Amino acid sequence: MRIERRAGLGVLALTLAAFLPSLRGSFVWDDVALIERNPAMRSGTGFVEIATRDLWGQATGATTQLYHPLPMLSIWAQTQLFGVELVPLRLFNVALHLLCVWCFVQLLLRLAVPSRWSWLAGLVVAVHPSVCEPVMWITGRHDTLGMLLLMAAMLSWTEPGGRRAVLRALASGLCLALAFLSKEPYVVGLALLGLWMGARAVQAGVRLRARDVRLLALAGLPVASVWVLRRSLGISAGSAQLHAGVLVHAHSFASVVWHYALQLLSFGNGLTIAPFVQLSPMAAVGVWLVVLALAAGLGRAAWRSTERDPHAVVALLGFLWFLVALTPHVISVPSIGLYGNRYAYCALFGLVLCGVSVLARLRFPSARSASWVQAGAVVLGTACAWKTSVAASAWRDNRTLYLADVMRAPDNGPAYYHLGTAVLSAEGCSAALPLFVRATQLAPRYERAFHNAAGCLINLGKPAEALPFAKRAVQLSPLDPRARHNLALSELARGRTRAAREQLQIALRLDPHHAQAEQTLRLLDAQTAKQP
């Protein structure tokens, strides 16, 4: 018990040392729209909007397929108590992350992983640099809260032969439903609960029976009710990427697994704005071969496991956890076009579970050898905490955050665009324009960069120079009325009133409430009427 207390205090101290110095700053990225400028966060009845509308619809009016009421309601509750203040919100995120670490350690202990290895695993997930984004980004709470509820479902699940199986299954199902209400990818929680159930049964030497399957189905009922709730609120779950072919999904899965495995195993923290890049077909085949070989090897070891080797099934559970956690991002990452560090959060727990189970099989010849391992763990944890503190310091404001990406990857066009948006809000178009232009050069298919470059040139009184950027923005996003309006202004500057009118009419067909296009068309009609 003394060792566990010391280990827990060490994990707590390193985690706080990594994050507490960087809690101050300003709201960044999506936190600006979803929290700082969201009217619902300042309203005493804002919880109604948050609970009954999609994530972005209630904040900006732009309808999406995202529905994260539970973390957003927790943020609303905090803003009612403390105001829209950054430090209390981030401090709560740190607390949620620490609760996730504690639950993870309890899972490992329940899987018969020795205490020293369980706390080493807890240390890794506590201060791994990749957890920086879910902790420092307020809306990263979607991941930490979802992960906490997922592990609560596992801890609530009935043990093989245990009592009150139905009540425990319903409690686990409720936790899974709440995890789904935290973020869509946690819909895989039912699959992970099934893996947990199977691993516990193998460890106990008990065969799964029809009753166990019925209990798992019972736990799935609350999750199904969330689907019904989403549909009743008019929130769909479709995606063009979802209907891609099997080979496309297999290729994307290999790319996603490779990206996050490399990042997590290298104890790194990816770029905040990391464009999605597919592996070559041959490299994707190689990743699949490695994945299948590892799964087969771990599966064989688990099949042959005995009381002398109880950790093989745990290693297999961790590896499958890692793969299942990344499965939803085969759809989301190609659709968004970015690798988010937050997507690695759930997968990190699975990969660490696999790794620590392999380490737990080692036999140390003496207590001195074990002490060397403990010393190495302290060094590893301290190094990770330092790297995480450096990554956390970049979240001071938008400019610092995106500048860190540009410094690390000077050829990252989307990072230049995001840096440009930060500079635009602080210094205006004159300072931001070169960054937008650079983004168009580095990412010739990134519509946002062309749109903002055109908009800045128009605002600077150079609409004619904006024409090539405006045309390219329309080519890349023909259904965007804002791009059509910019092109219309550029055409007007060149005296091409007919072409301008055409673009304005298209913009209004796409969005009948586009005020700027409507006003410009009205002015154009007035000018035309004055002509003889």
Protein backbone atom coordinates (compact mmCIF):
# COMPACT_ATOMS: atom_id res chain seq x y z
CA MET A 1 0.00 0.00 0.00
CA ARG A 2 2.86 2.37 0.76
CA ILE A 3 4.37 1.73 -2.67
CA GLU A 4 1.02 2.37 -4.37
CA ARG A 5 0.57 5.62 -2.44
CA ARG A 6 4.04 6.82 -3.42
CA ALA A 7 3.48 5.84 -7.05
CA GLY A 8 0.14 7.63 -7.12
CA LEU A 9 1.61 10.78 -5.63
CA GLY A 10 4.45 10.65 -8.16
CA VAL A 11 2.01 10.39 -11.07
CA LEU A 12 -0.05 13.25 -9.63
CA ALA A 13 3.00 15.47 -9.12
CA LEU A 14 4.40 14.94 -12.63
CA THR A 15 1.00 15.50 -14.25
CA LEU A 16 0.42 18.75 -12.39
CA ALA A 17 3.97 19.88 -13.15
CA ALA A 18 3.32 19.29 -16.84
CA PHE A 19 0.04 21.19 -17.10
CA LEU A 20 -0.43 23.71 -14.30
CA PRO A 21 2.14 26.28 -15.57
CA SER A 22 0.23 26.60 -18.86
CA LEU A 23 -3.35 26.98 -17.67
CA ARG A 24 -3.45 30.73 -18.30
CA GLY A 25 -3.83 32.29 -21.72
CA SER A 26 -6.72 32.85 -24.10
CA PHE A 27 -9.28 30.61 -25.75
CA VAL A 28 -7.93 28.90 -28.84
CA TRP A 29 -9.17 27.16 -31.96
CA ASP A 30 -12.77 25.87 -31.72
CA ASP A 31 -12.99 26.97 -28.08
CA VAL A 32 -13.47 30.54 -29.32
CA ALA A 33 -16.74 29.75 -31.12
CA LEU A 34 -17.98 26.89 -28.95
CA ILE A 35 -17.29 28.52 -25.57
CA GLU A 36 -16.01 32.11 -25.53
CA ARG A 37 -18.47 33.49 -28.11
CA ASN A 38 -21.26 30.98 -27.57
CA PRO A 39 -24.33 32.82 -26.20
CA ALA A 40 -25.61 29.63 -24.59
CA MET A 41 -22.64 29.58 -22.20
CA ARG A 42 -23.74 32.90 -20.67
CA SER A 43 -27.44 32.11 -20.56
CA GLY A 44 -29.13 30.50 -17.59
CA THR A 45 -31.29 28.50 -20.01
CA GLY A 46 -28.44 27.72 -22.41
CA PHE A 47 -28.51 24.09 -21.34
CA VAL A 48 -31.71 23.64 -23.37
CA GLU A 49 -29.98 24.66 -26.61
CA ILE A 50 -26.96 22.49 -25.81
CA ALA A 51 -29.09 19.42 -25.05
CA THR A 52 -31.41 19.70 -28.05
CA ARG A 53 -29.17 20.83 -30.91
CA ASP A 54 -26.02 19.62 -32.58
CA LEU A 55 -22.62 20.85 -31.40
CA TRP A 56 -22.04 23.62 -33.93
CA GLY A 57 -25.68 24.37 -34.62
CA GLN A 58 -26.31 25.63 -31.10
CA ALA A 59 -23.10 27.70 -31.11
CA THR A 60 -22.96 29.17 -34.62
CA GLY A 61 -26.04 28.01 -36.51
CA ALA A 62 -23.93 25.88 -38.87
CA THR A 63 -25.57 22.45 -38.77
CA THR A 64 -23.30 19.43 -38.32
CA GLN A 65 -23.60 15.74 -37.44
CA LEU A 66 -21.79 16.20 -34.12
CA TYR A 67 -23.72 15.88 -30.86
CA HIS A 68 -21.66 16.19 -27.67
CA PRO A 69 -24.17 17.37 -25.04
CA LEU A 70 -22.55 15.84 -21.95
CA PRO A 71 -19.15 17.61 -22.07
CA MET A 72 -20.74 20.82 -23.33
CA LEU A 73 -23.25 20.76 -20.46
CA SER A 74 -20.37 20.32 -18.01
CA ILE A 75 -18.71 23.38 -19.55
CA TRP A 76 -21.99 25.30 -19.33
CA ALA A 77 -22.30 24.41 -15.64
CA GLN A 78 -18.79 25.68 -15.00
CA THR A 79 -19.43 28.94 -16.81
CA GLN A 80 -22.54 29.48 -14.69
CA LEU A 81 -20.46 29.05 -11.53
CA PHE A 82 -17.19 30.76 -12.49
CA GLY A 83 -17.98 32.73 -15.64
CA VAL A 84 -16.35 32.10 -19.01
CA GLU A 85 -12.91 31.77 -17.46
CA LEU A 86 -10.13 29.69 -19.01
CA VAL A 87 -8.24 28.52 -15.91
CA PRO A 88 -11.14 26.73 -14.12
CA LEU A 89 -12.11 25.03 -17.39
CA ARG A 90 -8.60 23.75 -18.04
CA LEU A 91 -8.14 22.75 -14.43
CA PHE A 92 -11.27 20.60 -14.67
CA ASN A 93 -9.83 18.98 -17.81
CA VAL A 94 -6.68 18.10 -15.86
CA ALA A 95 -8.84 16.54 -13.12
CA LEU A 96 -10.76 14.47 -15.69
CA HIS A 97 -7.50 13.25 -17.18
CA LEU A 98 -6.21 12.22 -13.75
CA LEU A 99 -9.45 10.32 -13.12
CA CYS A 100 -8.91 8.50 -16.42
CA VAL A 101 -5.41 7.54 -15.26
CA TRP A 102 -6.74 6.25 -11.93
CA CYS A 103 -9.45 4.16 -13.63
CA PHE A 104 -6.87 2.75 -16.02
CA VAL A 105 -4.69 1.63 -13.13
CA GLN A 106 -7.71 -0.04 -11.52
CA LEU A 107 -8.41 -1.89 -14.76
CA LEU A 108 -4.82 -3.13 -14.87
CA LEU A 109 -4.95 -4.32 -11.27
CA ARG A 110 -8.20 -6.14 -12.02
CA LEU A 111 -6.43 -7.82 -14.94
CA ALA A 112 -3.80 -9.11 -12.46
CA VAL A 113 -1.05 -6.84 -13.76
CA PRO A 114 1.47 -6.34 -10.92
CA SER A 115 1.12 -3.07 -9.05
CA ARG A 116 4.50 -1.62 -10.09
CA TRP A 117 3.71 -2.23 -13.77
CA SER A 118 0.17 -0.88 -13.39
CA TRP A 119 1.45 2.41 -11.99
CA LEU A 120 4.14 2.59 -14.66
CA ALA A 121 1.39 2.31 -17.26
CA GLY A 122 -0.55 5.02 -15.42
CA LEU A 123 2.51 7.25 -15.49
CA VAL A 124 2.89 6.84 -19.25
CA VAL A 125 -0.73 7.73 -20.06
CA ALA A 126 -0.65 10.59 -17.53
CA VAL A 127 2.25 12.52 -19.07
CA HIS A 128 2.53 11.19 -22.62
CA PRO A 129 2.92 14.27 -24.86
CA SER A 130 0.01 13.17 -27.06
CA VAL A 131 -2.47 13.81 -24.23
CA CYS A 132 -1.68 17.52 -24.32
CA GLU A 133 -4.44 18.39 -26.80
CA PRO A 134 -7.34 16.66 -24.99
CA VAL A 135 -6.28 18.32 -21.73
CA MET A 136 -5.34 21.86 -22.83
CA TRP A 137 -8.08 22.23 -25.43
CA ILE A 138 -11.31 22.80 -23.50
CA THR A 139 -13.41 20.97 -26.06
CA GLY A 140 -10.90 18.15 -25.79
CA ARG A 141 -13.06 17.27 -22.80
CA HIS A 142 -15.14 15.29 -25.29
CA ASP A 143 -12.33 12.72 -25.31
CA THR A 144 -11.35 12.70 -21.65
CA LEU A 145 -14.94 12.44 -20.45
CA GLY A 146 -15.79 9.80 -23.05
CA MET A 147 -12.72 7.78 -22.04
CA LEU A 148 -13.56 8.05 -18.34
CA LEU A 149 -17.08 6.74 -18.96
CA LEU A 150 -15.80 3.92 -21.18
CA MET A 151 -13.52 2.67 -18.43
CA ALA A 152 -16.32 3.11 -15.89
CA ALA A 153 -18.38 0.74 -18.06
CA MET A 154 -15.60 -1.85 -17.89
CA LEU A 155 -15.20 -1.49 -14.14
CA SER A 156 -18.99 -1.81 -13.69
CA TRP A 157 -19.20 -4.97 -15.79
CA THR A 158 -20.06 -8.17 -13.96
CA GLU A 159 -17.21 -10.52 -13.16
CA PRO A 160 -17.45 -14.10 -14.48
CA GLY A 161 -19.98 -15.82 -12.23
CA GLY A 162 -20.67 -12.59 -10.34
CA ARG A 163 -23.95 -11.52 -8.78
CA ARG A 164 -26.37 -8.84 -9.93
CA ALA A 165 -25.31 -9.41 -13.51
CA VAL A 166 -28.35 -7.68 -15.02
CA LEU A 167 -27.95 -4.55 -12.91
CA ARG A 168 -24.24 -4.40 -13.66
CA ALA A 169 -24.88 -4.83 -17.39
CA LEU A 170 -27.39 -1.97 -17.32
CA ALA A 171 -24.93 0.21 -15.39
CA SER A 172 -22.23 -0.54 -17.96
CA GLY A 173 -24.65 0.21 -20.78
CA LEU A 174 -25.57 3.55 -19.20
CA CYS A 175 -21.88 4.48 -19.00
CA LEU A 176 -21.43 3.52 -22.66
CA ALA A 177 -24.44 5.64 -23.67
CA LEU A 178 -23.02 8.63 -21.78
CA ALA A 179 -19.65 8.06 -23.48
CA PHE A 180 -21.46 8.13 -26.84
CA LEU A 181 -23.11 11.38 -25.76
CA SER A 182 -19.61 12.73 -25.14
CA LYS A 183 -18.28 11.96 -28.62
CA GLU A 184 -19.33 9.82 -31.59
CA PRO A 185 -16.20 7.60 -31.84
CA TYR A 186 -17.03 6.12 -28.42
CA VAL A 187 -19.81 4.17 -30.10
CA VAL A 188 -17.11 1.47 -30.34
CA GLY A 189 -17.36 1.22 -26.55
CA LEU A 190 -19.68 -1.77 -26.86
CA ALA A 191 -17.06 -3.64 -28.89
CA LEU A 192 -14.38 -2.77 -26.32
CA LEU A 193 -16.69 -3.93 -23.52
CA GLY A 194 -17.09 -7.22 -25.38
CA LEU A 195 -13.30 -7.60 -25.58
CA TRP A 196 -13.05 -6.84 -21.87
CA MET A 197 -15.70 -9.46 -21.10
CA GLY A 198 -13.87 -12.06 -23.19
CA ALA A 199 -10.48 -11.30 -21.62
CA ARG A 200 -11.86 -11.57 -18.09
CA ALA A 201 -13.54 -14.87 -18.92
CA VAL A 202 -10.32 -16.33 -20.35
CA GLN A 203 -8.37 -15.21 -17.31
CA ALA A 204 -10.94 -16.84 -15.03
CA GLY A 205 -10.93 -20.04 -17.08
CA VAL A 206 -14.65 -19.67 -17.81
CA ARG A 207 -16.33 -20.21 -21.15
CA LEU A 208 -18.59 -17.52 -22.51
CA ARG A 209 -22.20 -18.60 -22.70
CA ALA A 210 -25.40 -17.38 -24.29
CA ARG A 211 -26.22 -15.57 -21.04
CA ASP A 212 -23.08 -13.44 -21.41
CA VAL A 213 -24.03 -12.48 -24.95
CA ARG A 214 -27.52 -11.51 -23.76
CA LEU A 215 -25.98 -9.34 -21.05
CA LEU A 216 -23.81 -7.60 -23.64
CA ALA A 217 -26.88 -7.02 -25.81
CA LEU A 218 -28.65 -5.61 -22.76
CA ALA A 219 -25.76 -3.18 -22.25
CA GLY A 220 -26.20 -2.10 -25.87
CA LEU A 221 -29.80 -0.95 -25.35
CA PRO A 222 -28.87 2.43 -23.77
CA VAL A 223 -26.42 3.00 -26.66
CA ALA A 224 -29.21 2.28 -29.16
CA SER A 225 -31.42 4.77 -27.31
CA VAL A 226 -28.83 7.48 -27.99
CA TRP A 227 -29.15 6.75 -31.72
CA VAL A 228 -32.91 7.18 -31.39
CA LEU A 229 -32.42 10.45 -29.50
CA ARG A 230 -30.08 11.79 -32.17
CA ARG A 231 -32.54 10.94 -34.91
CA SER A 232 -35.43 12.54 -33.02
CA LEU A 233 -33.40 15.76 -32.81
CA GLY A 234 -32.74 15.65 -36.55
CA ILE A 235 -29.02 14.86 -36.17
CA SER A 236 -27.94 12.47 -38.89
CA ALA A 237 -24.98 10.09 -38.89
CA GLY A 238 -24.29 9.80 -42.60
CA SER A 239 -21.02 10.57 -44.37
CA ALA A 240 -19.83 10.44 -47.96
CA GLN A 241 -16.65 8.79 -46.69
CA LEU A 242 -18.75 6.07 -45.05
CA HIS A 243 -19.84 4.81 -48.47
CA ALA A 244 -16.31 4.45 -49.85
CA GLY A 245 -15.17 1.03 -51.01
CA VAL A 246 -13.61 -1.62 -48.78
CA LEU A 247 -10.16 -1.09 -50.30
CA VAL A 248 -10.39 2.66 -49.64
CA HIS A 249 -11.23 2.01 -46.00
CA ALA A 250 -8.44 -0.56 -45.70
CA HIS A 251 -5.97 1.95 -47.12
CA SER A 252 -7.16 4.69 -44.77
CA PHE A 253 -7.05 2.34 -41.78
CA ALA A 254 -3.43 1.43 -42.49
CA SER A 255 -2.53 5.12 -42.79
CA VAL A 256 -4.29 6.01 -39.53
CA VAL A 257 -2.75 3.09 -37.61
CA TRP A 258 0.75 3.88 -38.89
CA HIS A 259 0.47 7.58 -38.05
CA TYR A 260 -0.70 7.10 -34.48
CA ALA A 261 1.45 4.05 -33.72
CA LEU A 262 4.55 5.99 -34.79
CA GLN A 263 3.52 9.03 -32.77
CA LEU A 264 2.66 7.11 -29.60
CA LEU A 265 5.60 4.71 -29.65
CA SER A 266 8.03 7.59 -30.18
CA PHE A 267 6.52 9.44 -27.19
CA GLY A 268 5.81 12.35 -29.49
CA ASN A 269 3.13 14.97 -29.90
CA GLY A 270 1.89 15.50 -33.43
CA LEU A 271 1.24 18.82 -35.12
CA THR A 272 -1.96 20.53 -34.09
CA ILE A 273 -2.74 21.06 -37.78
CA ALA A 274 -1.47 17.80 -39.33
CA PRO A 275 -2.85 17.23 -42.85
CA PHE A 276 -4.08 13.71 -43.61
CA VAL A 277 -1.62 11.98 -45.94
CA GLN A 278 -2.26 8.48 -47.24
CA LEU A 279 0.50 5.89 -47.21
CA SER A 280 1.54 4.48 -50.54
CA PRO A 281 -0.36 1.28 -51.48
CA MET A 282 2.72 -0.88 -50.84
CA ALA A 283 3.32 0.74 -47.45
CA ALA A 284 -0.34 0.20 -46.53
CA VAL A 285 -0.02 -3.49 -47.41
CA GLY A 286 3.08 -3.65 -45.20
CA VAL A 287 1.17 -2.13 -42.26
CA TRP A 288 -1.62 -4.65 -42.69
CA LEU A 289 0.85 -7.53 -42.72
CA VAL A 290 2.45 -6.29 -39.49
CA VAL A 291 -0.96 -5.80 -37.84
CA LEU A 292 -2.13 -9.29 -38.81
CA ALA A 293 1.17 -10.86 -37.75
CA LEU A 294 1.05 -9.19 -34.34
CA ALA A 295 -2.61 -10.10 -33.83
CA ALA A 296 -1.89 -13.72 -34.80
CA GLY A 297 1.16 -13.92 -32.53
CA LEU A 298 -0.63 -12.42 -29.53
CA GLY A 299 -3.70 -14.53 -30.21
CA ARG A 300 -1.63 -17.71 -30.29
CA ALA A 301 0.08 -16.77 -27.02
CA ALA A 302 -3.30 -16.04 -25.42
CA TRP A 303 -4.72 -19.36 -26.67
CA ARG A 304 -1.84 -21.23 -25.08
CA SER A 305 -1.79 -19.13 -21.94
CA THR A 306 -1.66 -20.89 -18.60
CA GLU A 307 -1.40 -19.80 -15.01
CA ARG A 308 2.34 -19.32 -15.62
CA ASP A 309 1.63 -16.79 -18.37
CA PRO A 310 -1.51 -14.83 -17.40
CA HIS A 311 -0.50 -11.67 -19.26
CA ALA A 312 -0.75 -12.91 -22.87
CA VAL A 313 -4.51 -12.39 -23.02
CA VAL A 314 -4.07 -8.89 -21.57
CA ALA A 315 -1.53 -8.03 -24.27
CA LEU A 316 -3.99 -9.21 -26.93
CA LEU A 317 -6.76 -7.16 -25.31
CA GLY A 318 -4.56 -4.04 -25.39
CA PHE A 319 -3.58 -4.51 -29.03
CA LEU A 320 -7.19 -5.02 -30.14
CA TRP A 321 -8.22 -2.03 -27.99
CA PHE A 322 -5.69 0.11 -29.88
CA LEU A 323 -7.06 -1.02 -33.27
CA VAL A 324 -10.75 -0.74 -32.37
CA ALA A 325 -10.26 2.74 -30.89
CA LEU A 326 -8.83 3.97 -34.20
CA THR A 327 -11.52 2.39 -36.38
CA PRO A 328 -14.00 5.33 -36.30
CA HIS A 329 -11.25 7.68 -37.45
CA VAL A 330 -11.02 5.81 -40.74
CA ILE A 331 -14.14 7.87 -41.54
CA SER A 332 -13.44 11.11 -39.67
CA VAL A 333 -9.77 11.73 -40.52
CA PRO A 334 -10.14 11.57 -44.35
CA SER A 335 -13.35 13.62 -44.14
CA ILE A 336 -11.80 16.39 -42.05
CA GLY A 337 -8.43 16.07 -43.74
CA LEU A 338 -6.49 16.35 -40.48
CA TYR A 339 -4.86 14.00 -37.98
CA GLY A 340 -6.00 15.22 -34.57
CA ASN A 341 -3.84 14.45 -31.55
CA ARG A 342 -7.06 13.98 -29.59
CA TYR A 343 -7.89 10.95 -31.75
CA ALA A 344 -4.95 9.13 -30.18
CA TYR A 345 -6.28 9.46 -26.63
CA CYS A 346 -8.36 6.28 -26.39
CA ALA A 347 -5.89 4.32 -28.54
CA LEU A 348 -3.03 5.31 -26.20
CA PHE A 349 -4.60 3.41 -23.32
CA GLY A 350 -4.86 0.26 -25.41
CA LEU A 351 -1.29 0.46 -26.68
CA VAL A 352 0.08 1.05 -23.18
CA LEU A 353 -2.00 -1.87 -21.89
CA CYS A 354 -0.43 -4.10 -24.53
CA GLY A 355 3.10 -2.90 -23.82
CA VAL A 356 2.92 -3.16 -20.04
CA SER A 357 1.50 -6.67 -20.31
CA VAL A 358 4.52 -7.73 -22.33
CA LEU A 359 6.83 -6.12 -19.77
CA ALA A 360 4.99 -7.82 -16.92
CA ARG A 361 6.07 -11.19 -18.32
CA LEU A 362 9.69 -10.37 -17.59
CA ARG A 363 11.37 -12.07 -14.66
CA PHE A 364 13.94 -10.03 -12.78
CA PRO A 365 16.79 -12.02 -11.24
CA SER A 366 17.09 -9.72 -8.23
CA ALA A 367 15.53 -6.83 -6.39
CA ARG A 368 18.36 -4.68 -7.70
CA SER A 369 17.21 -5.29 -11.27
CA ALA A 370 13.71 -4.28 -10.33
CA SER A 371 15.02 -1.08 -8.75
CA TRP A 372 16.81 -0.22 -11.99
CA VAL A 373 13.51 -0.61 -13.82
CA GLN A 374 11.80 1.70 -11.34
CA ALA A 375 14.56 4.27 -11.77
CA GLY A 376 14.19 4.05 -15.53
CA ALA A 377 10.45 4.59 -15.15
CA VAL A 378 11.07 7.77 -13.15
CA VAL A 379 13.47 9.05 -15.83
CA LEU A 380 10.99 8.21 -18.59
CA GLY A 381 8.13 9.88 -16.74
CA THR A 382 10.17 13.02 -16.05
CA ALA A 383 11.24 13.28 -19.68
CA CYS A 384 7.67 12.84 -20.88
CA ALA A 385 6.40 15.41 -18.39
CA TRP A 386 8.96 17.91 -19.65
CA LYS A 387 7.98 17.29 -23.31
CA THR A 388 4.33 17.61 -22.39
CA SER A 389 4.93 20.88 -20.54
CA VAL A 390 6.66 22.29 -23.64
CA ALA A 391 3.72 21.20 -25.83
CA ALA A 392 1.23 22.64 -23.32
CA SER A 393 2.95 26.03 -23.32
CA ALA A 394 2.08 26.45 -27.02
CA TRP A 395 -1.62 26.58 -26.09
CA ARG A 396 -1.23 30.11 -24.67
CA ASP A 397 -3.05 31.63 -27.64
CA ASN A 398 -3.88 30.88 -31.27
CA ARG A 399 -0.83 32.62 -32.67
CA THR A 400 1.58 30.69 -30.44
CA LEU A 401 -0.22 27.42 -31.18
CA TYR A 402 -0.11 27.68 -34.97
CA LEU A 403 3.33 29.27 -35.06
CA ALA A 404 4.66 26.17 -33.28
CA ASP A 405 3.32 24.07 -36.18
CA VAL A 406 4.86 26.35 -38.80
CA MET A 407 8.23 26.20 -37.03
CA ARG A 408 8.11 22.39 -36.92
CA ALA A 409 6.78 21.94 -40.46
CA PRO A 410 7.57 24.93 -42.72
CA ASP A 411 5.84 23.22 -45.67
CA ASN A 412 2.52 22.83 -43.84
CA GLY A 413 0.06 24.93 -45.84
CA PRO A 414 -2.97 24.52 -43.54
CA ALA A 415 -0.80 25.58 -40.57
CA TYR A 416 0.08 28.81 -42.41
CA TYR A 417 -3.64 29.36 -43.02
CA HIS A 418 -4.51 28.93 -39.34
CA LEU A 419 -1.61 31.18 -38.34
CA GLY A 420 -3.00 33.70 -40.79
CA THR A 421 -6.42 33.63 -39.12
CA ALA A 422 -4.77 34.30 -35.74
CA VAL A 423 -2.78 37.21 -37.18
CA LEU A 424 -5.87 38.50 -38.98
CA SER A 425 -7.85 38.86 -35.76
CA ALA A 426 -4.94 40.61 -34.03
CA GLU A 427 -3.36 42.77 -36.73
CA GLY A 428 -5.68 42.81 -39.73
CA CYS A 429 -5.41 41.87 -43.38
CA SER A 430 -2.10 43.59 -44.16
CA ALA A 431 -0.20 41.29 -41.79
CA ALA A 432 -2.26 38.17 -42.52
CA LEU A 433 -2.27 38.32 -46.34
CA PRO A 434 1.29 36.99 -46.87
CA LEU A 435 0.46 33.99 -44.68
CA PHE A 436 -2.69 33.20 -46.66
CA VAL A 437 -0.82 33.54 -49.94
CA ARG A 438 1.92 31.24 -48.65
CA ALA A 439 -0.75 28.73 -47.66
CA THR A 440 -2.15 28.74 -51.21
CA GLN A 441 1.32 28.02 -52.58
CA LEU A 442 1.95 25.11 -50.21
CA ALA A 443 -1.58 23.66 -50.34
CA PRO A 444 -3.06 24.37 -53.80
CA ARG A 445 -6.22 22.39 -52.98
CA TYR A 446 -6.94 24.04 -49.63
CA GLU A 447 -9.99 26.20 -50.39
CA ARG A 448 -9.96 28.16 -47.12
CA ALA A 449 -6.57 29.69 -47.90
CA PHE A 450 -7.72 30.94 -51.31
CA HIS A 451 -10.97 32.28 -49.85
CA ASN A 452 -9.18 34.27 -47.14
CA ALA A 453 -6.50 35.54 -49.53
CA ALA A 454 -9.24 36.84 -51.83
CA GLY A 455 -11.17 38.34 -48.91
CA CYS A 456 -8.11 40.16 -47.57
CA LEU A 457 -7.24 41.64 -50.96
CA ILE A 458 -10.83 42.87 -51.32
CA ASN A 459 -10.75 44.40 -47.84
CA LEU A 460 -7.45 46.10 -48.68
CA GLY A 461 -9.07 47.76 -51.71
CA LYS A 462 -7.46 45.43 -54.28
CA PRO A 463 -10.42 43.44 -55.63
CA ALA A 464 -8.92 43.07 -59.10
CA GLU A 465 -5.83 41.35 -57.63
CA ALA A 466 -8.15 39.03 -55.73
CA LEU A 467 -9.62 37.54 -58.95
CA PRO A 468 -7.30 34.49 -59.34
CA PHE A 469 -7.69 33.58 -55.67
CA ALA A 470 -11.47 34.03 -55.82
CA LYS A 471 -11.75 31.90 -58.96
CA ARG A 472 -9.69 29.11 -57.41
CA ALA A 473 -11.81 29.21 -54.24
CA VAL A 474 -14.96 28.74 -56.34
CA GLN A 475 -13.35 25.87 -58.25
CA LEU A 476 -12.48 24.10 -55.02
CA SER A 477 -15.76 24.87 -53.26
CA PRO A 478 -18.47 25.68 -55.83
CA LEU A 479 -21.28 25.42 -53.24
CA ASP A 480 -19.83 28.06 -50.91
CA PRO A 481 -21.84 31.31 -51.29
CA ARG A 482 -19.05 33.32 -49.62
CA ALA A 483 -16.60 32.27 -52.32
CA ARG A 484 -19.16 33.26 -54.97
CA HIS A 485 -19.55 36.69 -53.35
CA ASN A 486 -15.80 37.31 -53.36
CA LEU A 487 -15.64 36.35 -57.03
CA ALA A 488 -18.52 38.73 -57.78
CA LEU A 489 -16.67 41.64 -56.12
CA SER A 490 -13.54 40.82 -58.10
CA GLU A 491 -15.48 40.73 -61.36
CA LEU A 492 -17.09 44.08 -60.53
CA ALA A 493 -13.65 45.63 -60.04
CA ARG A 494 -12.80 44.59 -63.61
CA GLY A 495 -16.05 46.14 -64.92
CA ARG A 496 -17.67 42.77 -65.67
CA THR A 497 -21.11 43.47 -64.23
CA ARG A 498 -22.86 40.58 -65.99
CA ALA A 499 -20.42 38.01 -64.59
CA ALA A 500 -20.68 39.62 -61.16
CA ARG A 501 -24.49 39.50 -61.25
CA GLU A 502 -24.33 35.85 -62.23
CA GLN A 503 -22.15 34.98 -59.23
CA LEU A 504 -24.36 36.94 -56.83
CA GLN A 505 -27.46 35.16 -58.06
CA ILE A 506 -25.77 31.78 -57.57
CA ALA A 507 -24.69 32.81 -54.06
CA LEU A 508 -28.27 33.72 -53.16
CA ARG A 509 -29.59 30.46 -54.59
CA LEU A 510 -27.11 28.61 -52.38
CA ASP A 511 -27.96 30.76 -49.36
CA PRO A 512 -31.08 32.97 -49.69
CA HIS A 513 -30.13 34.69 -46.42
CA HIS A 514 -26.60 35.71 -47.45
CA ALA A 515 -26.82 39.37 -46.43
CA GLN A 516 -23.63 40.55 -48.14
CA ALA A 517 -24.56 39.03 -51.50
CA GLU A 518 -28.05 40.47 -51.22
CA GLN A 519 -26.72 43.95 -50.44
CA THR A 520 -24.16 43.85 -53.26
CA LEU A 521 -26.81 42.75 -55.76
CA ARG A 522 -29.11 45.55 -54.60
CA LEU A 523 -26.35 48.14 -55.09
CA LEU A 524 -25.56 46.69 -58.51
CA ASP A 525 -29.21 46.90 -59.54
CA ALA A 526 -29.36 50.52 -58.34
CA GLN A 527 -26.27 51.45 -60.36
CA THR A 528 -27.67 49.74 -63.45
CA ALA A 529 -30.97 51.58 -63.08
CA LYS A 530 -29.16 54.96 -63.06
CA GLN A 531 -27.40 54.25 -66.33
CA PRO A 532 -29.09 55.75 -69.44
